PDB file of all heavy atoms in Angstrom:
ATOM      1  N   LEU A   1      -3.263   9.965   7.015  1.00  0.00           N
ATOM      2  CA  LEU A   1      -2.812  10.089   8.390  1.00  0.00           C
ATOM      3  C   LEU A   1      -1.314  10.365   8.457  1.00  0.00           C
ATOM      4  O   LEU A   1      -0.844  11.181   9.225  1.00  0.00           O
ATOM      5  CB  LEU A   1      -3.164   8.800   9.155  1.00  0.00           C
ATOM      6  CG  LEU A   1      -2.583   8.682  10.648  1.00  0.00           C
ATOM      7  CD1 LEU A   1      -3.053   9.851  11.466  1.00  0.00           C
ATOM      8  CD2 LEU A   1      -3.004   7.337  11.231  1.00  0.00           C
ATOM      9  N   GLY A   2      -0.537   9.649   7.660  1.00  0.00           N
ATOM     10  CA  GLY A   2       0.926   9.762   7.692  1.00  0.00           C
ATOM     11  C   GLY A   2       1.463  11.127   7.219  1.00  0.00           C
ATOM     12  O   GLY A   2       2.582  11.502   7.594  1.00  0.00           O
ATOM     13  N   GLY A   3       0.670  11.789   6.407  1.00  0.00           N
ATOM     14  CA  GLY A   3       1.056  13.109   5.948  1.00  0.00           C
ATOM     15  C   GLY A   3       2.140  13.140   4.909  1.00  0.00           C
ATOM     16  O   GLY A   3       2.653  12.082   4.480  1.00  0.00           O
ATOM     17  N   PRO A   4       2.501  14.343   4.463  1.00  0.00           N
ATOM     18  CA  PRO A   4       3.459  14.490   3.318  1.00  0.00           C
ATOM     19  C   PRO A   4       4.811  14.038   3.625  1.00  0.00           C
ATOM     20  O   PRO A   4       5.602  13.812   2.707  1.00  0.00           O
ATOM     21  CB  PRO A   4       3.375  15.996   3.042  1.00  0.00           C
ATOM     22  CG  PRO A   4       2.951  16.596   4.336  1.00  0.00           C
ATOM     23  CD  PRO A   4       2.045  15.634   4.954  1.00  0.00           C
ATOM     24  N   ASN A   5       5.217  13.910   4.893  1.00  0.00           N
ATOM     25  CA  ASN A   5       6.573  13.555   5.280  1.00  0.00           C
ATOM     26  C   ASN A   5       6.699  12.048   5.502  1.00  0.00           C
ATOM     27  O   ASN A   5       7.752  11.558   5.890  1.00  0.00           O
ATOM     28  CB  ASN A   5       7.020  14.293   6.487  1.00  0.00           C
ATOM     29  CG  ASN A   5       7.051  15.796   6.276  1.00  0.00           C
ATOM     30  OD1 ASN A   5       7.501  16.286   5.254  1.00  0.00           O
ATOM     31  ND2 ASN A   5       6.561  16.534   7.297  1.00  0.00           N
ATOM     32  N   GLY A   6       5.671  11.316   5.181  1.00  0.00           N
ATOM     33  CA  GLY A   6       5.740   9.844   5.276  1.00  0.00           C
ATOM     34  C   GLY A   6       6.055   9.307   6.661  1.00  0.00           C
ATOM     35  O   GLY A   6       6.842   8.365   6.811  1.00  0.00           O
ATOM     36  N   MET A   7       5.316   9.829   7.655  1.00  0.00           N
ATOM     37  CA  MET A   7       5.527   9.361   9.016  1.00  0.00           C
ATOM     38  C   MET A   7       5.090   7.899   9.122  1.00  0.00           C
ATOM     39  O   MET A   7       5.592   7.158   9.951  1.00  0.00           O
ATOM     40  CB  MET A   7       4.795  10.212  10.003  1.00  0.00           C
ATOM     41  CG  MET A   7       5.629  11.417  10.483  1.00  0.00           C
ATOM     42  SD  MET A   7       7.192  10.972  11.242  1.00  0.00           S
ATOM     43  CE  MET A   7       6.611   9.936  12.593  1.00  0.00           C
ATOM     44  N   ILE A   8       4.069   7.452   8.348  1.00  0.00           N
ATOM     45  CA  ILE A   8       3.767   6.050   8.236  1.00  0.00           C
ATOM     46  C   ILE A   8       4.471   5.584   6.980  1.00  0.00           C
ATOM     47  O   ILE A   8       4.030   5.756   5.849  1.00  0.00           O
ATOM     48  CB  ILE A   8       2.259   5.812   8.167  1.00  0.00           C
ATOM     49  CG1 ILE A   8       1.561   6.382   9.391  1.00  0.00           C
ATOM     50  CG2 ILE A   8       1.940   4.312   8.044  1.00  0.00           C
ATOM     51  CD1 ILE A   8       0.040   6.289   9.379  1.00  0.00           C
ATOM     52  N   ARG A   9       5.680   5.017   7.185  1.00  0.00           N
ATOM     53  CA  ARG A   9       6.652   4.865   6.137  1.00  0.00           C
ATOM     54  C   ARG A   9       6.265   3.666   5.192  1.00  0.00           C
ATOM     55  O   ARG A   9       6.481   3.740   4.005  1.00  0.00           O
ATOM     56  CB  ARG A   9       8.046   4.639   6.735  1.00  0.00           C
ATOM     57  CG  ARG A   9       9.196   4.812   5.780  1.00  0.00           C
ATOM     58  CD  ARG A   9       9.364   6.280   5.305  1.00  0.00           C
ATOM     59  NE  ARG A   9       9.351   7.274   6.343  1.00  0.00           N
ATOM     60  CZ  ARG A   9      10.473   7.737   6.964  1.00  0.00           C
ATOM     61  NH1 ARG A   9      11.645   7.215   6.682  1.00  0.00           N
ATOM     62  NH2 ARG A   9      10.370   8.697   7.806  1.00  0.00           N
ATOM     63  N   GLN A  10       5.791   2.575   5.794  1.00  0.00           N
ATOM     64  CA  GLN A  10       5.514   1.355   5.035  1.00  0.00           C
ATOM     65  C   GLN A  10       4.298   0.636   5.564  1.00  0.00           C
ATOM     66  O   GLN A  10       3.879   0.861   6.710  1.00  0.00           O
ATOM     67  CB  GLN A  10       6.739   0.418   5.106  1.00  0.00           C
ATOM     68  CG  GLN A  10       7.987   0.903   4.465  1.00  0.00           C
ATOM     69  CD  GLN A  10       9.098  -0.135   4.626  1.00  0.00           C
ATOM     70  OE1 GLN A  10       9.315  -0.703   5.696  1.00  0.00           O
ATOM     71  NE2 GLN A  10       9.896  -0.302   3.576  1.00  0.00           N
ATOM     72  N   THR A  11       3.685  -0.197   4.725  1.00  0.00           N
ATOM     73  CA  THR A  11       2.680  -1.149   5.177  1.00  0.00           C
ATOM     74  C   THR A  11       2.839  -2.382   4.410  1.00  0.00           C
ATOM     75  O   THR A  11       3.375  -2.397   3.296  1.00  0.00           O
ATOM     76  CB  THR A  11       1.228  -0.532   4.923  1.00  0.00           C
ATOM     77  OG1 THR A  11       0.257  -1.425   5.501  1.00  0.00           O
ATOM     78  CG2 THR A  11       0.953  -0.363   3.439  1.00  0.00           C
ATOM     79  N   GLU A  12       2.509  -3.498   5.030  1.00  0.00           N
ATOM     80  CA  GLU A  12       2.784  -4.854   4.408  1.00  0.00           C
ATOM     81  C   GLU A  12       1.519  -5.577   4.108  1.00  0.00           C
ATOM     82  O   GLU A  12       0.511  -5.490   4.828  1.00  0.00           O
ATOM     83  CB  GLU A  12       3.711  -5.668   5.333  1.00  0.00           C
ATOM     84  CG  GLU A  12       3.131  -5.940   6.718  1.00  0.00           C
ATOM     85  CD  GLU A  12       4.139  -6.629   7.659  1.00  0.00           C
ATOM     86  OE1 GLU A  12       4.666  -7.662   7.244  1.00  0.00           O
ATOM     87  OE2 GLU A  12       4.327  -6.092   8.751  1.00  0.00           O
ATOM     88  N   PHE A  13       1.566  -6.364   3.043  1.00  0.00           N
ATOM     89  CA  PHE A  13       0.445  -7.156   2.559  1.00  0.00           C
ATOM     90  C   PHE A  13       0.817  -8.621   2.442  1.00  0.00           C
ATOM     91  O   PHE A  13       1.981  -8.951   2.183  1.00  0.00           O
ATOM     92  CB  PHE A  13       0.026  -6.661   1.160  1.00  0.00           C
ATOM     93  CG  PHE A  13      -0.664  -5.338   1.060  1.00  0.00           C
ATOM     94  CD1 PHE A  13       0.011  -4.150   1.276  1.00  0.00           C
ATOM     95  CD2 PHE A  13      -2.015  -5.273   0.769  1.00  0.00           C
ATOM     96  CE1 PHE A  13      -0.614  -2.952   1.208  1.00  0.00           C
ATOM     97  CE2 PHE A  13      -2.656  -4.041   0.670  1.00  0.00           C
ATOM     98  CZ  PHE A  13      -1.977  -2.887   0.872  1.00  0.00           C
ATOM     99  N   PHE A  14      -0.188  -9.494   2.590  1.00  0.00           N
ATOM    100  CA  PHE A  14      -0.106 -10.831   2.094  1.00  0.00           C
ATOM    101  C   PHE A  14      -0.239 -10.839   0.604  1.00  0.00           C
ATOM    102  O   PHE A  14      -0.884  -9.906   0.037  1.00  0.00           O
ATOM    103  CB  PHE A  14      -1.226 -11.754   2.726  1.00  0.00           C
ATOM    104  CG  PHE A  14      -0.961 -12.144   4.158  1.00  0.00           C
ATOM    105  CD1 PHE A  14      -1.909 -11.884   5.156  1.00  0.00           C
ATOM    106  CD2 PHE A  14       0.190 -12.772   4.535  1.00  0.00           C
ATOM    107  CE1 PHE A  14      -1.736 -12.243   6.465  1.00  0.00           C
ATOM    108  CE2 PHE A  14       0.412 -13.163   5.818  1.00  0.00           C
ATOM    109  CZ  PHE A  14      -0.537 -12.914   6.796  1.00  0.00           C
ATOM    110  N   VAL A  15       0.238 -11.878  -0.077  1.00  0.00           N
ATOM    111  CA  VAL A  15       0.057 -11.962  -1.536  1.00  0.00           C
ATOM    112  C   VAL A  15      -0.476 -13.323  -1.943  1.00  0.00           C
ATOM    113  O   VAL A  15      -0.445 -13.654  -3.159  1.00  0.00           O
ATOM    114  CB  VAL A  15       1.372 -11.657  -2.262  1.00  0.00           C
ATOM    115  CG1 VAL A  15       1.781 -10.216  -2.117  1.00  0.00           C
ATOM    116  CG2 VAL A  15       2.504 -12.585  -1.766  1.00  0.00           C
ATOM    117  N   TYR A  16      -0.995 -14.110  -1.018  1.00  0.00           N
ATOM    118  CA  TYR A  16      -1.347 -15.494  -1.384  1.00  0.00           C
ATOM    119  C   TYR A  16      -2.701 -15.608  -2.024  1.00  0.00           C
ATOM    120  O   TYR A  16      -2.919 -16.411  -2.905  1.00  0.00           O
ATOM    121  CB  TYR A  16      -1.228 -16.410  -0.152  1.00  0.00           C
ATOM    122  CG  TYR A  16       0.151 -16.440   0.383  1.00  0.00           C
ATOM    123  CD1 TYR A  16       0.497 -16.120   1.691  1.00  0.00           C
ATOM    124  CD2 TYR A  16       1.183 -16.887  -0.479  1.00  0.00           C
ATOM    125  CE1 TYR A  16       1.784 -16.181   2.122  1.00  0.00           C
ATOM    126  CE2 TYR A  16       2.508 -16.944  -0.004  1.00  0.00           C
ATOM    127  CZ  TYR A  16       2.786 -16.614   1.267  1.00  0.00           C
ATOM    128  OH  TYR A  16       4.063 -16.636   1.691  1.00  0.00           O
ATOM    129  N   SER A  17      -3.664 -14.819  -1.562  1.00  0.00           N
ATOM    130  CA  SER A  17      -4.997 -14.935  -2.201  1.00  0.00           C
ATOM    131  C   SER A  17      -5.165 -13.912  -3.288  1.00  0.00           C
ATOM    132  O   SER A  17      -4.478 -12.900  -3.331  1.00  0.00           O
ATOM    133  CB  SER A  17      -6.066 -14.690  -1.091  1.00  0.00           C
ATOM    134  OG  SER A  17      -6.119 -13.287  -0.788  1.00  0.00           O
ATOM    135  N   GLU A  18      -6.061 -14.239  -4.203  1.00  0.00           N
ATOM    136  CA  GLU A  18      -6.365 -13.296  -5.312  1.00  0.00           C
ATOM    137  C   GLU A  18      -6.836 -11.988  -4.792  1.00  0.00           C
ATOM    138  O   GLU A  18      -6.484 -10.907  -5.265  1.00  0.00           O
ATOM    139  CB  GLU A  18      -7.376 -13.894  -6.241  1.00  0.00           C
ATOM    140  CG  GLU A  18      -7.674 -13.074  -7.476  1.00  0.00           C
ATOM    141  CD  GLU A  18      -8.705 -13.719  -8.416  1.00  0.00           C
ATOM    142  OE1 GLU A  18      -9.026 -14.902  -8.217  1.00  0.00           O
ATOM    143  OE2 GLU A  18      -9.185 -13.000  -9.281  1.00  0.00           O
ATOM    144  N   LYS A  19      -7.635 -12.016  -3.720  1.00  0.00           N
ATOM    145  CA  LYS A  19      -8.180 -10.765  -3.077  1.00  0.00           C
ATOM    146  C   LYS A  19      -7.032  -9.894  -2.613  1.00  0.00           C
ATOM    147  O   LYS A  19      -6.984  -8.648  -2.898  1.00  0.00           O
ATOM    148  CB  LYS A  19      -9.050 -11.113  -1.949  1.00  0.00           C
ATOM    149  CG  LYS A  19      -9.573  -9.911  -1.135  1.00  0.00           C
ATOM    150  CD  LYS A  19     -10.505 -10.293  -0.010  1.00  0.00           C
ATOM    151  CE  LYS A  19      -9.719 -11.073   1.069  1.00  0.00           C
ATOM    152  NZ  LYS A  19      -8.779 -10.210   1.774  1.00  0.00           N
ATOM    153  N   ASP A  20      -6.037 -10.477  -1.856  1.00  0.00           N
ATOM    154  CA  ASP A  20      -4.942  -9.715  -1.346  1.00  0.00           C
ATOM    155  C   ASP A  20      -4.050  -9.134  -2.498  1.00  0.00           C
ATOM    156  O   ASP A  20      -3.634  -7.980  -2.390  1.00  0.00           O
ATOM    157  CB  ASP A  20      -4.060 -10.549  -0.418  1.00  0.00           C
ATOM    158  CG  ASP A  20      -4.752 -10.795   0.920  1.00  0.00           C
ATOM    159  OD1 ASP A  20      -5.539  -9.972   1.364  1.00  0.00           O
ATOM    160  OD2 ASP A  20      -4.512 -11.884   1.528  1.00  0.00           O
ATOM    161  N   ARG A  21      -3.803  -9.938  -3.510  1.00  0.00           N
ATOM    162  CA  ARG A  21      -3.017  -9.433  -4.631  1.00  0.00           C
ATOM    163  C   ARG A  21      -3.753  -8.281  -5.321  1.00  0.00           C
ATOM    164  O   ARG A  21      -3.084  -7.315  -5.732  1.00  0.00           O
ATOM    165  CB  ARG A  21      -2.665 -10.557  -5.605  1.00  0.00           C
ATOM    166  CG  ARG A  21      -1.637 -11.551  -5.036  1.00  0.00           C
ATOM    167  CD  ARG A  21      -1.089 -12.391  -6.209  1.00  0.00           C
ATOM    168  NE  ARG A  21      -2.121 -13.214  -6.856  1.00  0.00           N
ATOM    169  CZ  ARG A  21      -2.520 -14.405  -6.404  1.00  0.00           C
ATOM    170  NH1 ARG A  21      -1.958 -14.925  -5.305  1.00  0.00           N
ATOM    171  NH2 ARG A  21      -3.469 -15.067  -7.020  1.00  0.00           N
ATOM    172  N   LYS A  22      -5.009  -8.436  -5.506  1.00  0.00           N
ATOM    173  CA  LYS A  22      -5.821  -7.424  -6.172  1.00  0.00           C
ATOM    174  C   LYS A  22      -5.753  -6.099  -5.389  1.00  0.00           C
ATOM    175  O   LYS A  22      -5.611  -5.010  -5.926  1.00  0.00           O
ATOM    176  CB  LYS A  22      -7.229  -7.863  -6.374  1.00  0.00           C
ATOM    177  CG  LYS A  22      -8.086  -6.914  -7.223  1.00  0.00           C
ATOM    178  CD  LYS A  22      -9.496  -7.521  -7.445  1.00  0.00           C
ATOM    179  CE  LYS A  22     -10.335  -6.532  -8.280  1.00  0.00           C
ATOM    180  NZ  LYS A  22     -11.681  -7.083  -8.554  1.00  0.00           N
ATOM    181  N   ALA A  23      -5.935  -6.245  -4.042  1.00  0.00           N
ATOM    182  CA  ALA A  23      -5.858  -5.040  -3.193  1.00  0.00           C
ATOM    183  C   ALA A  23      -4.495  -4.362  -3.260  1.00  0.00           C
ATOM    184  O   ALA A  23      -4.376  -3.160  -3.351  1.00  0.00           O
ATOM    185  CB  ALA A  23      -6.170  -5.415  -1.770  1.00  0.00           C
ATOM    186  N   LEU A  24      -3.450  -5.189  -3.240  1.00  0.00           N
ATOM    187  CA  LEU A  24      -2.096  -4.660  -3.308  1.00  0.00           C
ATOM    188  C   LEU A  24      -1.894  -3.906  -4.609  1.00  0.00           C
ATOM    189  O   LEU A  24      -1.367  -2.783  -4.651  1.00  0.00           O
ATOM    190  CB  LEU A  24      -1.070  -5.802  -3.164  1.00  0.00           C
ATOM    191  CG  LEU A  24       0.393  -5.456  -3.115  1.00  0.00           C
ATOM    192  CD1 LEU A  24       1.165  -6.523  -2.362  1.00  0.00           C
ATOM    193  CD2 LEU A  24       1.012  -5.333  -4.505  1.00  0.00           C
ATOM    194  N   GLU A  25      -2.328  -4.478  -5.705  1.00  0.00           N
ATOM    195  CA  GLU A  25      -2.183  -3.863  -7.012  1.00  0.00           C
ATOM    196  C   GLU A  25      -2.937  -2.567  -7.112  1.00  0.00           C
ATOM    197  O   GLU A  25      -2.463  -1.576  -7.636  1.00  0.00           O
ATOM    198  CB  GLU A  25      -2.550  -4.818  -8.126  1.00  0.00           C
ATOM    199  CG  GLU A  25      -1.596  -6.030  -8.275  1.00  0.00           C
ATOM    200  CD  GLU A  25      -2.150  -7.166  -9.061  1.00  0.00           C
ATOM    201  OE1 GLU A  25      -3.316  -7.108  -9.477  1.00  0.00           O
ATOM    202  OE2 GLU A  25      -1.413  -8.186  -9.320  1.00  0.00           O
ATOM    203  N   LYS A  26      -4.197  -2.554  -6.589  1.00  0.00           N
ATOM    204  CA  LYS A  26      -4.975  -1.349  -6.625  1.00  0.00           C
ATOM    205  C   LYS A  26      -4.364  -0.253  -5.805  1.00  0.00           C
ATOM    206  O   LYS A  26      -4.384   0.924  -6.149  1.00  0.00           O
ATOM    207  CB  LYS A  26      -6.392  -1.639  -6.188  1.00  0.00           C
ATOM    208  CG  LYS A  26      -7.240  -2.354  -7.232  1.00  0.00           C
ATOM    209  CD  LYS A  26      -8.717  -2.504  -6.796  1.00  0.00           C
ATOM    210  CE  LYS A  26      -9.568  -3.053  -7.932  1.00  0.00           C
ATOM    211  NZ  LYS A  26      -9.650  -2.041  -9.059  1.00  0.00           N
ATOM    212  N   CYS A  27      -3.782  -0.598  -4.666  1.00  0.00           N
ATOM    213  CA  CYS A  27      -3.121   0.393  -3.826  1.00  0.00           C
ATOM    214  C   CYS A  27      -1.868   0.936  -4.513  1.00  0.00           C
ATOM    215  O   CYS A  27      -1.610   2.143  -4.478  1.00  0.00           O
ATOM    216  CB  CYS A  27      -2.735  -0.232  -2.497  1.00  0.00           C
ATOM    217  SG  CYS A  27      -4.169  -0.549  -1.406  1.00  0.00           S
ATOM    218  N   MET A  28      -1.085   0.094  -5.201  1.00  0.00           N
ATOM    219  CA  MET A  28       0.064   0.534  -5.917  1.00  0.00           C
ATOM    220  C   MET A  28      -0.344   1.503  -7.050  1.00  0.00           C
ATOM    221  O   MET A  28       0.414   2.438  -7.368  1.00  0.00           O
ATOM    222  CB  MET A  28       0.814  -0.650  -6.470  1.00  0.00           C
ATOM    223  CG  MET A  28       1.517  -1.476  -5.388  1.00  0.00           C
ATOM    224  SD  MET A  28       2.652  -2.722  -6.069  1.00  0.00           S
ATOM    225  CE  MET A  28       4.069  -1.683  -6.574  1.00  0.00           C
ATOM    226  N   GLU A  29      -1.483   1.202  -7.673  1.00  0.00           N
ATOM    227  CA  GLU A  29      -1.927   2.117  -8.769  1.00  0.00           C
ATOM    228  C   GLU A  29      -2.196   3.560  -8.287  1.00  0.00           C
ATOM    229  O   GLU A  29      -2.190   4.485  -9.149  1.00  0.00           O
ATOM    230  CB  GLU A  29      -3.219   1.564  -9.393  1.00  0.00           C
ATOM    231  CG  GLU A  29      -3.021   0.284 -10.186  1.00  0.00           C
ATOM    232  CD  GLU A  29      -4.306  -0.411 -10.599  1.00  0.00           C
ATOM    233  OE1 GLU A  29      -5.386   0.179 -10.307  1.00  0.00           O
ATOM    234  OE2 GLU A  29      -4.257  -1.485 -11.205  1.00  0.00           O
ATOM    235  N   LEU A  30      -2.407   3.714  -7.008  1.00  0.00           N
ATOM    236  CA  LEU A  30      -2.653   5.084  -6.487  1.00  0.00           C
ATOM    237  C   LEU A  30      -1.392   5.967  -6.571  1.00  0.00           C
ATOM    238  O   LEU A  30      -1.442   7.169  -6.560  1.00  0.00           O
ATOM    239  CB  LEU A  30      -3.117   5.029  -5.001  1.00  0.00           C
ATOM    240  CG  LEU A  30      -4.475   4.346  -4.808  1.00  0.00           C
ATOM    241  CD1 LEU A  30      -4.758   4.135  -3.325  1.00  0.00           C
ATOM    242  CD2 LEU A  30      -5.575   5.208  -5.390  1.00  0.00           C
ATOM    243  N   GLY A  31      -0.213   5.308  -6.645  1.00  0.00           N
ATOM    244  CA  GLY A  31       1.045   6.043  -6.825  1.00  0.00           C
ATOM    245  C   GLY A  31       1.582   6.800  -5.669  1.00  0.00           C
ATOM    246  O   GLY A  31       2.414   7.635  -5.746  1.00  0.00           O
ATOM    247  N   TYR A  32       1.112   6.406  -4.427  1.00  0.00           N
ATOM    248  CA  TYR A  32       1.566   7.092  -3.253  1.00  0.00           C
ATOM    249  C   TYR A  32       3.069   6.701  -2.969  1.00  0.00           C
ATOM    250  O   TYR A  32       3.436   5.545  -3.037  1.00  0.00           O
ATOM    251  CB  TYR A  32       0.760   6.692  -2.021  1.00  0.00           C
ATOM    252  CG  TYR A  32      -0.678   7.128  -2.049  1.00  0.00           C
ATOM    253  CD1 TYR A  32      -1.630   6.400  -1.337  1.00  0.00           C
ATOM    254  CD2 TYR A  32      -1.095   8.233  -2.810  1.00  0.00           C
ATOM    255  CE1 TYR A  32      -2.971   6.829  -1.332  1.00  0.00           C
ATOM    256  CE2 TYR A  32      -2.414   8.649  -2.809  1.00  0.00           C
ATOM    257  CZ  TYR A  32      -3.362   7.887  -2.102  1.00  0.00           C
ATOM    258  OH  TYR A  32      -4.700   8.258  -2.121  1.00  0.00           O
ATOM    259  N   GLU A  33       3.835   7.646  -2.558  1.00  0.00           N
ATOM    260  CA  GLU A  33       5.226   7.367  -2.093  1.00  0.00           C
ATOM    261  C   GLU A  33       5.150   6.665  -0.712  1.00  0.00           C
ATOM    262  O   GLU A  33       5.919   5.756  -0.413  1.00  0.00           O
ATOM    263  CB  GLU A  33       6.030   8.604  -2.011  1.00  0.00           C
ATOM    264  CG  GLU A  33       7.448   8.382  -1.542  1.00  0.00           C
ATOM    265  CD  GLU A  33       8.291   9.655  -1.493  1.00  0.00           C
ATOM    266  OE1 GLU A  33       7.746  10.727  -1.709  1.00  0.00           O
ATOM    267  OE2 GLU A  33       9.539   9.538  -1.203  1.00  0.00           O
ATOM    268  N   PHE A  34       4.224   7.163   0.096  1.00  0.00           N
ATOM    269  CA  PHE A  34       4.070   6.612   1.443  1.00  0.00           C
ATOM    270  C   PHE A  34       2.572   6.278   1.744  1.00  0.00           C
ATOM    271  O   PHE A  34       1.719   7.054   1.286  1.00  0.00           O
ATOM    272  CB  PHE A  34       4.538   7.591   2.517  1.00  0.00           C
ATOM    273  CG  PHE A  34       5.990   8.012   2.327  1.00  0.00           C
ATOM    274  CD1 PHE A  34       6.298   9.312   2.013  1.00  0.00           C
ATOM    275  CD2 PHE A  34       6.985   7.113   2.536  1.00  0.00           C
ATOM    276  CE1 PHE A  34       7.598   9.707   1.857  1.00  0.00           C
ATOM    277  CE2 PHE A  34       8.331   7.460   2.376  1.00  0.00           C
ATOM    278  CZ  PHE A  34       8.658   8.820   2.042  1.00  0.00           C
ATOM    279  N   PRO A  35       2.319   5.212   2.473  1.00  0.00           N
ATOM    280  CA  PRO A  35       3.249   4.203   2.959  1.00  0.00           C
ATOM    281  C   PRO A  35       3.689   3.321   1.779  1.00  0.00           C
ATOM    282  O   PRO A  35       2.898   2.962   0.919  1.00  0.00           O
ATOM    283  CB  PRO A  35       2.402   3.359   3.921  1.00  0.00           C
ATOM    284  CG  PRO A  35       1.094   4.071   4.137  1.00  0.00           C
ATOM    285  CD  PRO A  35       0.906   4.975   2.941  1.00  0.00           C
TER     286      PRO A  35
END
């Protein structure tokens, strides 16, 4: 949705549960600059 110019610049996660940390790590593995 945010497109190549990063109109959706950031998104924020909780990190307290194992589920949230796992999701965050899997999203980071995608290597997207944005969000």
